[in-house]
Amino acid sequence: MNTKHAEIRAQQRGIPPLVDQLLDLYGEEEHDGHGSVTLYLNKHSIRNMERDLGRRPVSRLAEWFDAYKVKSTDGQTITVGHRTRRLWRK
């Protein structure tokens, strides 16, 4: 379930609905400490996608590997975007 804001941002940033679904299925979750969860693709999640979908189809999606998604605790997508900086984890 996406908010109107998330739908607008996905369109503006060129993130297709398939990538949104892949983030839900394979994305690594990180809690931000403020009540929301960030989903992103890392090396482990990309390997899982390759195992399930095949290497060639996943390699075609490489331009969206930097996509992320912020969800609230009730499961609503708040926003989506492209990472421009490294995610530092504690």
Protein backbone atom coordinates (compact mmCIF):
# COMPACT_ATOMS: atom_id res chain seq x y z
CA MET A 1 0.00 0.00 0.00
CA ASN A 2 1.50 3.31 -1.11
CA THR A 3 0.71 6.83 -0.06
CA LYS A 4 -0.02 9.40 -2.74
CA HIS A 5 3.35 10.99 -1.93
CA ALA A 6 5.15 7.68 -2.57
CA GLU A 7 3.39 7.19 -5.90
CA ILE A 8 4.34 10.69 -7.04
CA ARG A 9 7.96 10.24 -5.93
CA ALA A 10 8.24 6.86 -7.67
CA GLN A 11 7.03 8.43 -10.91
CA GLN A 12 9.31 11.46 -10.57
CA ARG A 13 12.34 9.32 -9.78
CA GLY A 14 11.64 6.69 -12.43
CA ILE A 15 11.24 3.72 -10.11
CA PRO A 16 8.94 1.12 -11.69
CA PRO A 17 6.36 -0.86 -9.69
CA LEU A 18 8.40 -4.05 -10.25
CA VAL A 19 11.32 -2.59 -8.28
CA ASP A 20 8.90 -1.59 -5.53
CA GLN A 21 7.73 -5.22 -5.32
CA LEU A 22 11.30 -6.54 -5.37
CA LEU A 23 12.17 -4.27 -2.45
CA ASP A 24 9.27 -5.79 -0.52
CA LEU A 25 10.31 -9.34 -1.37
CA TYR A 26 14.11 -9.16 -1.21
CA GLY A 27 14.98 -5.85 0.43
CA GLU A 28 17.10 -5.68 3.56
CA GLU A 29 15.23 -3.96 6.40
CA GLU A 30 16.77 -1.34 8.63
CA HIS A 31 14.84 0.43 11.39
CA ASP A 32 15.61 4.12 11.57
CA GLY A 33 14.74 4.59 15.24
CA HIS A 34 11.88 6.97 14.46
CA GLY A 35 9.15 4.45 13.74
CA SER A 36 9.84 3.63 10.11
CA VAL A 37 11.75 0.96 8.20
CA THR A 38 14.06 1.49 5.23
CA LEU A 39 14.22 -1.28 2.62
CA TYR A 40 17.18 -1.45 0.22
CA LEU A 41 18.99 -3.99 -1.91
CA ASN A 42 22.41 -5.21 -0.84
CA LYS A 43 24.73 -7.92 -2.12
CA HIS A 44 22.93 -10.65 -0.17
CA SER A 45 19.47 -9.68 -1.41
CA ILE A 46 20.69 -9.44 -5.01
CA ARG A 47 22.15 -12.96 -4.72
CA ASN A 48 18.78 -14.20 -3.45
CA MET A 49 17.05 -12.58 -6.42
CA GLU A 50 19.52 -14.24 -8.80
CA ARG A 51 18.84 -17.60 -7.18
CA ASP A 52 15.07 -17.21 -7.53
CA LEU A 53 14.76 -15.31 -10.82
CA GLY A 54 17.97 -16.10 -12.71
CA ARG A 55 21.15 -14.13 -13.26
CA ARG A 56 20.29 -12.56 -16.63
CA PRO A 57 16.91 -11.06 -15.65
CA VAL A 58 18.41 -9.65 -12.44
CA SER A 59 21.37 -8.14 -14.32
CA ARG A 60 18.84 -6.21 -16.45
CA LEU A 61 17.55 -4.57 -13.27
CA ALA A 62 20.99 -3.31 -12.22
CA GLU A 63 20.15 0.35 -12.80
CA TRP A 64 17.62 0.18 -9.94
CA PHE A 65 19.84 -1.59 -7.38
CA ASP A 66 20.34 1.76 -5.67
CA ALA A 67 16.60 2.16 -5.00
CA TYR A 68 15.27 2.36 -1.45
CA LYS A 69 11.87 2.48 0.15
CA VAL A 70 10.74 3.92 3.48
CA LYS A 71 7.75 2.24 5.12
CA SER A 72 5.84 3.09 8.26
CA THR A 73 5.29 0.49 10.97
CA ASP A 74 1.76 -0.19 9.69
CA GLY A 75 3.15 -1.19 6.26
CA GLN A 76 2.36 1.94 4.25
CA THR A 77 5.07 3.14 1.89
CA ILE A 78 6.06 6.68 2.79
CA THR A 79 8.54 7.40 0.00
CA VAL A 80 10.92 5.82 -2.50
CA GLY A 81 14.13 7.07 -4.02
CA HIS A 82 17.66 6.40 -5.21
CA ARG A 83 20.58 6.25 -2.80
CA THR A 84 23.22 8.81 -3.59
CA ARG A 85 25.33 8.12 -0.52
CA ARG A 86 26.34 5.02 1.33
CA LEU A 87 24.01 3.80 4.07
CA TRP A 88 25.93 3.79 7.33
CA ARG A 89 24.71 1.19 9.79
CA LYS A 90 25.31 1.16 13.50
